[in-house]
Amino acid sequence: MNTALAPYPIGTPGIPWGEAERAEWLSRQTRQRSYEAEVLGAIEHLRPRFDVEEYGRLEYGPERFPLLAIRSRDWRDELPVVLVTGGVHGYETSGVHGALQFVDQHAADYAGRANLLVAPCVSPWGYERIHRWNPHAIDPNRSFRDDSPAEESAALMRLVAPIRDRVLMHIDLHETTDTDETEFRPALAARDGKPFAPGGIPDGFYLVDDSESPQPEFQQAVIAAVEQVTHIAPADDKGEIIGSPVVARGVIEYPLNQLALCAGITNATYKTTTEVYPDSPRATSEQCNTAQAAAVCAAIDYALAHR
C-alpha cells in the first residue's frame, strides 16, 4: 500500500501534529446537529420520572455544554448499582439515543431491584460535530485515567468516583462506522505521525470484553438478546474483528484499564462495550437504538441474576 498517494489533508506524513495542525483541524469542524434539542430536550422529558443531575459543564470558547446524568428516583443504598454510558465518542449516535431509549422504555422495570445511573452523552461537542475527538483533538475514550487530558472523561470519573466500588455492571454504548476507516483512523495516524494501515469494518454488532477480567457467559447473554434485534458481526478471514482475535461469537477483548477506556472506570464485575454498525444495509437507525437498549437490558438482567 502506498499511503503517500492519499495523505491526510492536515500535517506532514511521519510528523506528529503541533498546535498549528490541531488548530487547522479544529477550523474544519462544523456544528451539524444540536445537543440541546436532541439530547437535553429528550432528558427534559424524562425529568418527571427520574432524577437528573448536572455533573459537569464543558466550556469550549463561547460554547457551554452541561453534562447530565439520569438516576433512579428510588435510589437505595442497599441495592446494586448499574452504570450505562453513551456518547463517549459523540459521533456514535445510537450510543446516545439507545441509552435514552433504555431509560424511557425500560428503566422503570428495574425499580426496587437496582440503582440506575445513566450518562447518555459524555461528549456533547463531539455529538454536535459528529466526531470522535473533543476540540483539542483528544479521544475521550483513551483518556479515562488520573490527570485526564479530556474534561469529558474527567467529569465522568468524578461522577462515578463515590460509587466506583459499588457498581455491579457497566455497559458503555458505542458504534463502529464506515467513517472510522475513511476519517477517524486516518486522522489519528496523521495526528500521531504514524502511517495509516487500512483495515476493515465489521458488518454487525459485537462486544468488547475486559481481557484482564473476562466474563464470557455475560457477554454471550448480551449477544443472544441483541441477535433478536440485529445481526451479529462475523469474524474476518483471520478470525478477527477490527484486528483483535474473536474469543467467542461476536466478542473481542481489550485491556480496559491499560487503554484508559470508559468501560474500565469502575470495579464492576460485569463490564462490556457495545459496538453497533449503523452503516449496514441490513440495519436501520431505529434497529441500532433498539439493539443498544436490548443490550442494556440483557446486561442488567444477567448481572442481577448472577450477583
C-alpha atoms as a PDB file:
ATOM      1  CA  MET A   1       0.000   0.000   0.000  1.00  0.00           C
ATOM      2  CA  ASN A   2       1.269   3.472  -0.846  1.00  0.00           C
ATOM      3  CA  THR A   3      -0.121   5.852   1.743  1.00  0.00           C
ATOM      4  CA  ALA A   4       1.650   8.755   0.032  1.00  0.00           C
ATOM      5  CA  LEU A   5      -0.943   8.629  -2.738  1.00  0.00           C
ATOM      6  CA  ALA A   6      -3.650   9.916  -0.395  1.00  0.00           C
ATOM      7  CA  PRO A   7      -2.140  11.646   2.635  1.00  0.00           C
ATOM      8  CA  TYR A   8      -4.414  13.076   5.285  1.00  0.00           C
ATOM      9  CA  PRO A   9      -5.034  16.734   4.351  1.00  0.00           C
ATOM     10  CA  ILE A  10      -3.573  18.102   7.594  1.00  0.00           C
ATOM     11  CA  GLY A  11       0.052  17.855   8.643  1.00  0.00           C
ATOM     12  CA  THR A  12       3.172  16.271   7.177  1.00  0.00           C
ATOM     13  CA  PRO A  13       3.311  12.475   6.897  1.00  0.00           C
ATOM     14  CA  GLY A  14       5.516  10.995   9.592  1.00  0.00           C
ATOM     15  CA  ILE A  15       5.485  14.126  11.807  1.00  0.00           C
ATOM     16  CA  PRO A  16       3.066  14.396  14.769  1.00  0.00           C
ATOM     17  CA  TRP A  17       0.779  17.391  14.817  1.00  0.00           C
ATOM     18  CA  GLY A  18       1.684  20.538  16.674  1.00  0.00           C
ATOM     19  CA  GLU A  19      -0.557  23.392  17.685  1.00  0.00           C
ATOM     20  CA  ALA A  20      -0.835  24.722  14.135  1.00  0.00           C
ATOM     21  CA  GLU A  21      -2.100  21.403  12.795  1.00  0.00           C
ATOM     22  CA  ARG A  22      -4.556  20.985  15.655  1.00  0.00           C
ATOM     23  CA  ALA A  23      -5.855  24.492  15.011  1.00  0.00           C
ATOM     24  CA  GLU A  24      -6.270  23.729  11.314  1.00  0.00           C
ATOM     25  CA  TRP A  25      -8.126  20.542  12.154  1.00  0.00           C
ATOM     26  CA  LEU A  26     -10.407  22.417  14.560  1.00  0.00           C
ATOM     27  CA  SER A  27     -11.164  25.070  11.946  1.00  0.00           C
ATOM     28  CA  ARG A  28     -12.583  22.353   9.704  1.00  0.00           C
ATOM     29  CA  GLN A  29     -15.078  21.071  12.280  1.00  0.00           C
ATOM     30  CA  THR A  30     -18.624  22.323  11.825  1.00  0.00           C
ATOM     31  CA  ARG A  31     -21.688  22.004  14.009  1.00  0.00           C
ATOM     32  CA  GLN A  32     -24.077  19.596  12.314  1.00  0.00           C
ATOM     33  CA  ARG A  33     -26.736  18.917  14.945  1.00  0.00           C
ATOM     34  CA  SER A  34     -27.990  20.205  18.280  1.00  0.00           C
ATOM     35  CA  TYR A  35     -27.101  18.649  21.621  1.00  0.00           C
ATOM     36  CA  GLU A  36     -29.605  20.978  23.274  1.00  0.00           C
ATOM     37  CA  ALA A  37     -32.519  19.994  21.052  1.00  0.00           C
ATOM     38  CA  GLU A  38     -31.796  16.305  20.554  1.00  0.00           C
ATOM     39  CA  VAL A  39     -30.262  15.246  23.868  1.00  0.00           C
ATOM     40  CA  LEU A  40     -31.073  17.802  26.553  1.00  0.00           C
ATOM     41  CA  GLY A  41     -34.601  18.036  25.195  1.00  0.00           C
ATOM     42  CA  ALA A  42     -35.034  14.271  25.477  1.00  0.00           C
ATOM     43  CA  ILE A  43     -33.682  14.303  29.026  1.00  0.00           C
ATOM     44  CA  GLU A  44     -36.159  17.036  29.975  1.00  0.00           C
ATOM     45  CA  HIS A  45     -38.996  14.688  29.015  1.00  0.00           C
ATOM     46  CA  LEU A  46     -37.597  12.148  31.492  1.00  0.00           C
ATOM     47  CA  ARG A  47     -37.419  14.522  34.476  1.00  0.00           C
ATOM     48  CA  PRO A  48     -40.932  13.736  35.753  1.00  0.00           C
ATOM     49  CA  ARG A  49     -39.899  10.088  36.223  1.00  0.00           C
ATOM     50  CA  PHE A  50     -36.189  10.242  37.083  1.00  0.00           C
ATOM     51  CA  ASP A  51     -33.688  12.349  38.945  1.00  0.00           C
ATOM     52  CA  VAL A  52     -31.455  14.395  36.645  1.00  0.00           C
ATOM     53  CA  GLU A  53     -28.206  15.993  37.764  1.00  0.00           C
ATOM     54  CA  GLU A  54     -25.584  18.163  36.123  1.00  0.00           C
ATOM     55  CA  TYR A  55     -22.242  16.511  36.838  1.00  0.00           C
ATOM     56  CA  GLY A  56     -20.074  18.926  34.881  1.00  0.00           C
ATOM     57  CA  ARG A  57     -20.063  21.724  32.339  1.00  0.00           C
ATOM     58  CA  LEU A  58     -17.766  21.939  29.350  1.00  0.00           C
ATOM     59  CA  GLU A  59     -16.611  25.348  28.191  1.00  0.00           C
ATOM     60  CA  TYR A  60     -15.144  25.447  24.705  1.00  0.00           C
ATOM     61  CA  GLY A  61     -14.735  29.056  23.616  1.00  0.00           C
ATOM     62  CA  PRO A  62     -18.174  30.670  23.704  1.00  0.00           C
ATOM     63  CA  GLU A  63     -19.929  27.292  23.830  1.00  0.00           C
ATOM     64  CA  ARG A  64     -21.230  25.737  27.055  1.00  0.00           C
ATOM     65  CA  PHE A  65     -22.328  22.131  27.372  1.00  0.00           C
ATOM     66  CA  PRO A  66     -23.983  20.926  30.586  1.00  0.00           C
ATOM     67  CA  LEU A  67     -23.217  17.265  31.249  1.00  0.00           C
ATOM     68  CA  LEU A  68     -26.305  15.497  32.559  1.00  0.00           C
ATOM     69  CA  ALA A  69     -26.786  12.140  34.234  1.00  0.00           C
ATOM     70  CA  ILE A  70     -30.051  10.328  34.943  1.00  0.00           C
ATOM     71  CA  ARG A  71     -30.565   8.434  38.208  1.00  0.00           C
ATOM     72  CA  SER A  72     -33.233   6.161  39.601  1.00  0.00           C
ATOM     73  CA  ARG A  73     -35.669   8.222  41.624  1.00  0.00           C
ATOM     74  CA  ASP A  74     -35.962   5.428  44.212  1.00  0.00           C
ATOM     75  CA  TRP A  75     -32.194   5.193  44.812  1.00  0.00           C
ATOM     76  CA  ARG A  76     -31.495   2.922  47.771  1.00  0.00           C
ATOM     77  CA  ASP A  77     -28.040   2.306  49.190  1.00  0.00           C
ATOM     78  CA  GLU A  78     -28.638  -1.401  49.729  1.00  0.00           C
ATOM     79  CA  LEU A  79     -29.317  -2.029  46.035  1.00  0.00           C
ATOM     80  CA  PRO A  80     -26.652  -2.830  43.440  1.00  0.00           C
ATOM     81  CA  VAL A  81     -25.644  -0.039  41.056  1.00  0.00           C
ATOM     82  CA  VAL A  82     -25.678  -0.426  37.290  1.00  0.00           C
ATOM     83  CA  LEU A  83     -23.962   2.161  35.095  1.00  0.00           C
ATOM     84  CA  VAL A  84     -24.836   2.959  31.481  1.00  0.00           C
ATOM     85  CA  THR A  85     -22.716   5.355  29.431  1.00  0.00           C
ATOM     86  CA  GLY A  86     -23.191   6.552  25.867  1.00  0.00           C
ATOM     87  CA  GLY A  87     -21.732   9.091  23.504  1.00  0.00           C
ATOM     88  CA  VAL A  88     -18.175   8.848  24.788  1.00  0.00           C
ATOM     89  CA  HIS A  89     -17.490   9.188  21.089  1.00  0.00           C
ATOM     90  CA  GLY A  90     -20.014  11.843  20.210  1.00  0.00           C
ATOM     91  CA  TYR A  91     -20.489  10.762  16.613  1.00  0.00           C
ATOM     92  CA  GLU A  92     -21.727   7.298  17.650  1.00  0.00           C
ATOM     93  CA  THR A  93     -25.393   8.237  17.556  1.00  0.00           C
ATOM     94  CA  SER A  94     -27.083   5.061  18.759  1.00  0.00           C
ATOM     95  CA  GLY A  95     -24.934   5.064  21.873  1.00  0.00           C
ATOM     96  CA  VAL A  96     -26.620   8.308  22.908  1.00  0.00           C
ATOM     97  CA  HIS A  97     -30.137   7.581  21.739  1.00  0.00           C
ATOM     98  CA  GLY A  98     -30.017   3.916  22.701  1.00  0.00           C
ATOM     99  CA  ALA A  99     -29.219   4.955  26.272  1.00  0.00           C
ATOM    100  CA  LEU A 100     -32.112   7.431  26.244  1.00  0.00           C
ATOM    101  CA  GLN A 101     -34.438   4.819  24.750  1.00  0.00           C
ATOM    102  CA  PHE A 102     -33.475   2.387  27.505  1.00  0.00           C
ATOM    103  CA  VAL A 103     -34.306   4.945  30.191  1.00  0.00           C
ATOM    104  CA  ASP A 104     -37.600   5.892  28.577  1.00  0.00           C
ATOM    105  CA  GLN A 105     -38.863   2.391  27.799  1.00  0.00           C
ATOM    106  CA  HIS A 106     -37.173   0.000  30.239  1.00  0.00           C
ATOM    107  CA  ALA A 107     -35.626   1.688  33.269  1.00  0.00           C
ATOM    108  CA  ALA A 108     -38.852   1.500  35.289  1.00  0.00           C
ATOM    109  CA  ASP A 109     -38.649  -2.306  35.079  1.00  0.00           C
ATOM    110  CA  TYR A 110     -35.694  -2.207  37.490  1.00  0.00           C
ATOM    111  CA  ALA A 111     -37.276  -0.013  40.156  1.00  0.00           C
ATOM    112  CA  GLY A 112     -36.588  -1.520  43.553  1.00  0.00           C
ATOM    113  CA  ARG A 113     -34.110  -4.015  42.059  1.00  0.00           C
ATOM    114  CA  ALA A 114     -31.160  -1.826  41.101  1.00  0.00           C
ATOM    115  CA  ASN A 115     -29.952   1.751  41.220  1.00  0.00           C
ATOM    116  CA  LEU A 116     -29.528   3.033  37.664  1.00  0.00           C
ATOM    117  CA  LEU A 117     -27.031   5.728  36.704  1.00  0.00           C
ATOM    118  CA  VAL A 118     -27.055   6.729  33.039  1.00  0.00           C
ATOM    119  CA  ALA A 119     -24.754   9.272  31.369  1.00  0.00           C
ATOM    120  CA  PRO A 120     -26.211   9.274  27.845  1.00  0.00           C
ATOM    121  CA  CYS A 121     -23.908  11.765  26.099  1.00  0.00           C
ATOM    122  CA  VAL A 122     -20.439  12.033  27.587  1.00  0.00           C
ATOM    123  CA  SER A 123     -19.041  14.102  24.679  1.00  0.00           C
ATOM    124  CA  PRO A 124     -21.584  16.705  23.538  1.00  0.00           C
ATOM    125  CA  TRP A 125     -19.145  18.754  21.454  1.00  0.00           C
ATOM    126  CA  GLY A 126     -18.330  15.596  19.503  1.00  0.00           C
ATOM    127  CA  TYR A 127     -22.042  14.834  19.250  1.00  0.00           C
ATOM    128  CA  GLU A 128     -22.696  18.160  17.549  1.00  0.00           C
ATOM    129  CA  ARG A 129     -19.705  17.892  15.201  1.00  0.00           C
ATOM    130  CA  ILE A 130     -20.272  14.160  14.569  1.00  0.00           C
ATOM    131  CA  HIS A 131     -16.697  13.498  15.605  1.00  0.00           C
ATOM    132  CA  ARG A 132     -14.706  11.056  17.682  1.00  0.00           C
ATOM    133  CA  TRP A 133     -12.486  13.622  19.380  1.00  0.00           C
ATOM    134  CA  ASN A 134     -13.027  16.682  21.530  1.00  0.00           C
ATOM    135  CA  PRO A 135     -11.942  20.126  20.215  1.00  0.00           C
ATOM    136  CA  HIS A 136      -8.372  19.521  21.398  1.00  0.00           C
ATOM    137  CA  ALA A 137      -8.117  16.517  19.037  1.00  0.00           C
ATOM    138  CA  ILE A 138      -8.150  14.214  22.071  1.00  0.00           C
ATOM    139  CA  ASP A 139     -10.041  10.930  22.124  1.00  0.00           C
ATOM    140  CA  PRO A 140     -12.052  10.814  25.377  1.00  0.00           C
ATOM    141  CA  ASN A 141     -12.149   7.022  25.205  1.00  0.00           C
ATOM    142  CA  ARG A 142      -8.390   6.775  25.614  1.00  0.00           C
ATOM    143  CA  SER A 143      -8.387   9.314  28.440  1.00  0.00           C
ATOM    144  CA  PHE A 144     -10.072   7.691  31.451  1.00  0.00           C
ATOM    145  CA  ARG A 145      -7.103   7.974  33.783  1.00  0.00           C
ATOM    146  CA  ASP A 146      -5.802  10.177  36.563  1.00  0.00           C
ATOM    147  CA  ASP A 147      -4.979  13.688  35.347  1.00  0.00           C
ATOM    148  CA  SER A 148      -7.032  13.047  32.227  1.00  0.00           C
ATOM    149  CA  PRO A 149      -6.363  15.457  29.343  1.00  0.00           C
ATOM    150  CA  ALA A 150     -10.057  15.241  28.368  1.00  0.00           C
ATOM    151  CA  GLU A 151     -12.525  17.112  30.571  1.00  0.00           C
ATOM    152  CA  GLU A 152     -15.318  14.879  29.273  1.00  0.00           C
ATOM    153  CA  SER A 153     -13.553  11.868  30.749  1.00  0.00           C
ATOM    154  CA  ALA A 154     -12.505  13.608  33.963  1.00  0.00           C
ATOM    155  CA  ALA A 155     -16.062  14.779  34.638  1.00  0.00           C
ATOM    156  CA  LEU A 156     -17.486  11.282  34.246  1.00  0.00           C
ATOM    157  CA  MET A 157     -14.816   9.842  36.506  1.00  0.00           C
ATOM    158  CA  ARG A 158     -15.700  12.398  39.183  1.00  0.00           C
ATOM    159  CA  LEU A 159     -19.370  11.455  38.887  1.00  0.00           C
ATOM    160  CA  VAL A 160     -18.643   7.765  39.284  1.00  0.00           C
ATOM    161  CA  ALA A 161     -15.905   8.003  41.946  1.00  0.00           C
ATOM    162  CA  PRO A 162     -18.230   7.775  45.007  1.00  0.00           C
ATOM    163  CA  ILE A 163     -19.803   4.532  43.731  1.00  0.00           C
ATOM    164  CA  ARG A 164     -16.829   3.066  41.887  1.00  0.00           C
ATOM    165  CA  ASP A 165     -16.652   0.023  44.164  1.00  0.00           C
ATOM    166  CA  ARG A 166     -20.418  -0.467  44.302  1.00  0.00           C
ATOM    167  CA  VAL A 167     -21.107  -0.784  40.579  1.00  0.00           C
ATOM    168  CA  LEU A 168     -22.179  -4.311  39.661  1.00  0.00           C
ATOM    169  CA  MET A 169     -22.379  -3.788  35.896  1.00  0.00           C
ATOM    170  CA  HIS A 170     -21.165  -1.120  33.479  1.00  0.00           C
ATOM    171  CA  ILE A 171     -22.149  -1.110  29.819  1.00  0.00           C
ATOM    172  CA  ASP A 172     -20.638   1.507  27.503  1.00  0.00           C
ATOM    173  CA  LEU A 173     -22.549   2.055  24.249  1.00  0.00           C
ATOM    174  CA  HIS A 174     -20.552   2.589  21.047  1.00  0.00           C
ATOM    175  CA  GLU A 175     -20.665   2.192  17.279  1.00  0.00           C
ATOM    176  CA  THR A 176     -18.164   1.135  14.639  1.00  0.00           C
ATOM    177  CA  THR A 177     -18.857   3.168  11.499  1.00  0.00           C
ATOM    178  CA  ASP A 178     -17.571   3.384   7.948  1.00  0.00           C
ATOM    179  CA  THR A 179     -16.081   6.766   8.838  1.00  0.00           C
ATOM    180  CA  ASP A 180     -13.775   5.026  11.310  1.00  0.00           C
ATOM    181  CA  GLU A 181     -11.889   3.846   8.251  1.00  0.00           C
ATOM    182  CA  THR A 182     -12.341   6.868   5.977  1.00  0.00           C
ATOM    183  CA  GLU A 183     -11.781   9.683   8.502  1.00  0.00           C
ATOM    184  CA  PHE A 184     -11.061   8.857  12.120  1.00  0.00           C
ATOM    185  CA  ARG A 185      -8.292   6.284  11.825  1.00  0.00           C
ATOM    186  CA  PRO A 186      -6.506   8.267   9.087  1.00  0.00           C
ATOM    187  CA  ALA A 187      -6.794  11.396  11.261  1.00  0.00           C
ATOM    188  CA  LEU A 188      -5.373   9.503  14.243  1.00  0.00           C
ATOM    189  CA  ALA A 189      -2.420   8.277  12.211  1.00  0.00           C
ATOM    190  CA  ALA A 190      -1.763  11.788  10.898  1.00  0.00           C
ATOM    191  CA  ARG A 191      -2.083  13.346  14.370  1.00  0.00           C
ATOM    192  CA  ASP A 192       0.463  10.906  15.795  1.00  0.00           C
ATOM    193  CA  GLY A 193       2.819  10.974  12.802  1.00  0.00           C
ATOM    194  CA  LYS A 194       2.310   7.305  12.025  1.00  0.00           C
ATOM    195  CA  PRO A 195       1.497   5.501   8.785  1.00  0.00           C
ATOM    196  CA  PHE A 196      -2.126   4.596   8.204  1.00  0.00           C
ATOM    197  CA  ALA A 197      -2.759   0.891   7.636  1.00  0.00           C
ATOM    198  CA  PRO A 198      -6.218   0.315   6.151  1.00  0.00           C
ATOM    199  CA  GLY A 199      -8.397  -2.277   7.837  1.00  0.00           C
ATOM    200  CA  GLY A 200     -11.963  -3.470   7.585  1.00  0.00           C
ATOM    201  CA  ILE A 201     -15.283  -2.527   9.149  1.00  0.00           C
ATOM    202  CA  PRO A 202     -17.285  -5.480  10.501  1.00  0.00           C
ATOM    203  CA  ASP A 203     -20.890  -5.726   9.362  1.00  0.00           C
ATOM    204  CA  GLY A 204     -22.859  -6.251  12.529  1.00  0.00           C
ATOM    205  CA  PHE A 205     -22.995  -5.925  16.286  1.00  0.00           C
ATOM    206  CA  TYR A 206     -20.158  -7.056  18.540  1.00  0.00           C
ATOM    207  CA  LEU A 207     -18.907  -6.607  22.100  1.00  0.00           C
ATOM    208  CA  VAL A 208     -15.591  -5.786  23.752  1.00  0.00           C
ATOM    209  CA  ASP A 209     -14.895  -7.694  26.977  1.00  0.00           C
ATOM    210  CA  ASP A 210     -12.182  -6.906  29.514  1.00  0.00           C
ATOM    211  CA  SER A 211      -9.172  -9.114  28.782  1.00  0.00           C
ATOM    212  CA  GLU A 212      -7.955  -8.559  32.351  1.00  0.00           C
ATOM    213  CA  SER A 213     -11.187  -9.963  33.850  1.00  0.00           C
ATOM    214  CA  PRO A 214     -13.281 -11.628  31.158  1.00  0.00           C
ATOM    215  CA  GLN A 215     -16.891 -12.657  31.689  1.00  0.00           C
ATOM    216  CA  PRO A 216     -17.695 -14.816  28.652  1.00  0.00           C
ATOM    217  CA  GLU A 217     -21.129 -16.023  29.785  1.00  0.00           C
ATOM    218  CA  PHE A 218     -22.196 -12.436  30.466  1.00  0.00           C
ATOM    219  CA  GLN A 219     -21.064 -11.350  27.006  1.00  0.00           C
ATOM    220  CA  GLN A 220     -22.931 -14.193  25.318  1.00  0.00           C
ATOM    221  CA  ALA A 221     -26.120 -13.336  27.192  1.00  0.00           C
ATOM    222  CA  VAL A 222     -25.940  -9.841  25.691  1.00  0.00           C
ATOM    223  CA  ILE A 223     -25.174 -11.213  22.221  1.00  0.00           C
ATOM    224  CA  ALA A 224     -28.169 -13.554  22.414  1.00  0.00           C
ATOM    225  CA  ALA A 225     -30.505 -10.676  23.291  1.00  0.00           C
ATOM    226  CA  VAL A 226     -29.203  -8.333  20.608  1.00  0.00           C
ATOM    227  CA  GLU A 227     -29.451 -11.023  17.962  1.00  0.00           C
ATOM    228  CA  GLN A 228     -33.223 -10.769  18.307  1.00  0.00           C
ATOM    229  CA  VAL A 229     -32.915  -7.178  17.046  1.00  0.00           C
ATOM    230  CA  THR A 230     -29.999  -7.082  14.600  1.00  0.00           C
ATOM    231  CA  HIS A 231     -27.263  -9.299  13.186  1.00  0.00           C
ATOM    232  CA  ILE A 232     -24.003 -10.189  14.904  1.00  0.00           C
ATOM    233  CA  ALA A 233     -20.683  -9.351  13.224  1.00  0.00           C
ATOM    234  CA  PRO A 234     -18.777 -12.361  11.877  1.00  0.00           C
ATOM    235  CA  ALA A 235     -15.042 -12.808  12.237  1.00  0.00           C
ATOM    236  CA  ASP A 236     -12.942 -11.920   9.194  1.00  0.00           C
ATOM    237  CA  ASP A 237     -10.756 -14.399   7.340  1.00  0.00           C
ATOM    238  CA  LYS A 238      -8.090 -14.006  10.048  1.00  0.00           C
ATOM    239  CA  GLY A 239     -10.559 -14.870  12.798  1.00  0.00           C
ATOM    240  CA  GLU A 240     -10.544 -11.244  13.950  1.00  0.00           C
ATOM    241  CA  ILE A 241     -12.780  -8.206  14.332  1.00  0.00           C
ATOM    242  CA  ILE A 242     -11.020  -4.820  13.881  1.00  0.00           C
ATOM    243  CA  GLY A 243      -7.656  -6.526  14.308  1.00  0.00           C
ATOM    244  CA  SER A 244      -8.451  -8.393  17.538  1.00  0.00           C
ATOM    245  CA  PRO A 245      -9.000 -12.145  17.839  1.00  0.00           C
ATOM    246  CA  VAL A 246     -12.608 -13.211  18.197  1.00  0.00           C
ATOM    247  CA  VAL A 247     -12.737 -15.089  21.502  1.00  0.00           C
ATOM    248  CA  ALA A 248     -16.398 -16.095  21.165  1.00  0.00           C
ATOM    249  CA  ARG A 249     -19.155 -15.318  18.713  1.00  0.00           C
ATOM    250  CA  GLY A 250     -19.354 -11.535  18.409  1.00  0.00           C
ATOM    251  CA  VAL A 251     -16.836 -10.880  21.195  1.00  0.00           C
ATOM    252  CA  ILE A 252     -13.295  -9.498  21.288  1.00  0.00           C
ATOM    253  CA  GLU A 253     -11.244  -8.381  24.277  1.00  0.00           C
ATOM    254  CA  TYR A 254      -9.252  -5.272  25.197  1.00  0.00           C
ATOM    255  CA  PRO A 255      -7.305  -4.474  28.385  1.00  0.00           C
ATOM    256  CA  LEU A 256      -9.707  -1.770  29.536  1.00  0.00           C
ATOM    257  CA  ASN A 257      -7.600  -0.121  32.239  1.00  0.00           C
ATOM    258  CA  GLN A 258      -4.363  -0.294  30.275  1.00  0.00           C
ATOM    259  CA  LEU A 259      -6.012   1.530  27.366  1.00  0.00           C
ATOM    260  CA  ALA A 260      -7.821   4.008  29.682  1.00  0.00           C
ATOM    261  CA  LEU A 261     -11.199   3.046  28.219  1.00  0.00           C
ATOM    262  CA  CYS A 262     -14.518   4.143  29.652  1.00  0.00           C
ATOM    263  CA  ALA A 263     -15.685   0.615  30.457  1.00  0.00           C
ATOM    264  CA  GLY A 264     -12.818   0.306  32.929  1.00  0.00           C
ATOM    265  CA  ILE A 265     -13.716   3.235  35.197  1.00  0.00           C
ATOM    266  CA  THR A 266     -15.346   1.101  37.896  1.00  0.00           C
ATOM    267  CA  ASN A 267     -14.579  -2.146  39.688  1.00  0.00           C
ATOM    268  CA  ALA A 268     -17.732  -3.725  38.297  1.00  0.00           C
ATOM    269  CA  THR A 269     -17.747  -7.494  37.968  1.00  0.00           C
ATOM    270  CA  TYR A 270     -19.572  -7.240  34.664  1.00  0.00           C
ATOM    271  CA  LYS A 271     -18.237  -4.845  32.025  1.00  0.00           C
ATOM    272  CA  THR A 272     -18.802  -4.583  28.313  1.00  0.00           C
ATOM    273  CA  THR A 273     -18.581  -2.169  25.408  1.00  0.00           C
ATOM    274  CA  THR A 274     -21.169  -2.477  22.669  1.00  0.00           C
ATOM    275  CA  GLU A 275     -20.361  -1.827  19.024  1.00  0.00           C
ATOM    276  CA  VAL A 276     -23.263  -1.290  16.635  1.00  0.00           C
ATOM    277  CA  TYR A 277     -22.748  -0.935  12.857  1.00  0.00           C
ATOM    278  CA  PRO A 278     -25.136   1.825  11.738  1.00  0.00           C
ATOM    279  CA  ASP A 279     -23.938   1.830   8.115  1.00  0.00           C
ATOM    280  CA  SER A 280     -25.077  -1.723   7.430  1.00  0.00           C
ATOM    281  CA  PRO A 281     -27.657  -2.087   4.654  1.00  0.00           C
ATOM    282  CA  ARG A 282     -29.272  -4.636   6.978  1.00  0.00           C
ATOM    283  CA  ALA A 283     -29.933  -2.229   9.877  1.00  0.00           C
ATOM    284  CA  THR A 284     -31.916   0.964  10.373  1.00  0.00           C
ATOM    285  CA  SER A 285     -31.196   3.715  12.873  1.00  0.00           C
ATOM    286  CA  GLU A 286     -34.219   2.515  14.861  1.00  0.00           C
ATOM    287  CA  GLN A 287     -32.778  -1.009  14.969  1.00  0.00           C
ATOM    288  CA  CYS A 288     -29.459   0.354  16.160  1.00  0.00           C
ATOM    289  CA  ASN A 289     -31.062   2.264  19.013  1.00  0.00           C
ATOM    290  CA  THR A 290     -33.175  -0.745  19.937  1.00  0.00           C
ATOM    291  CA  ALA A 291     -30.134  -3.027  19.824  1.00  0.00           C
ATOM    292  CA  GLN A 292     -28.370  -0.770  22.310  1.00  0.00           C
ATOM    293  CA  ALA A 293     -31.382  -0.738  24.620  1.00  0.00           C
ATOM    294  CA  ALA A 294     -31.702  -4.513  24.358  1.00  0.00           C
ATOM    295  CA  ALA A 295     -28.029  -4.889  25.228  1.00  0.00           C
ATOM    296  CA  VAL A 296     -28.503  -2.762  28.344  1.00  0.00           C
ATOM    297  CA  CYS A 297     -31.498  -4.798  29.488  1.00  0.00           C
ATOM    298  CA  ALA A 298     -29.737  -8.115  28.904  1.00  0.00           C
ATOM    299  CA  ALA A 299     -26.632  -6.918  30.710  1.00  0.00           C
ATOM    300  CA  ILE A 300     -28.602  -5.779  33.757  1.00  0.00           C
ATOM    301  CA  ASP A 301     -30.715  -8.934  33.791  1.00  0.00           C
ATOM    302  CA  TYR A 302     -27.656 -11.176  33.724  1.00  0.00           C
ATOM    303  CA  ALA A 303     -25.806  -9.173  36.351  1.00  0.00           C
ATOM    304  CA  LEU A 304     -28.760  -9.177  38.751  1.00  0.00           C
ATOM    305  CA  ALA A 305     -29.288 -12.915  38.272  1.00  0.00           C
ATOM    306  CA  HIS A 306     -25.608 -13.753  38.904  1.00  0.00           C
ATOM    307  CA  ARG A 307     -24.515 -11.367  41.628  1.00  0.00           C
END
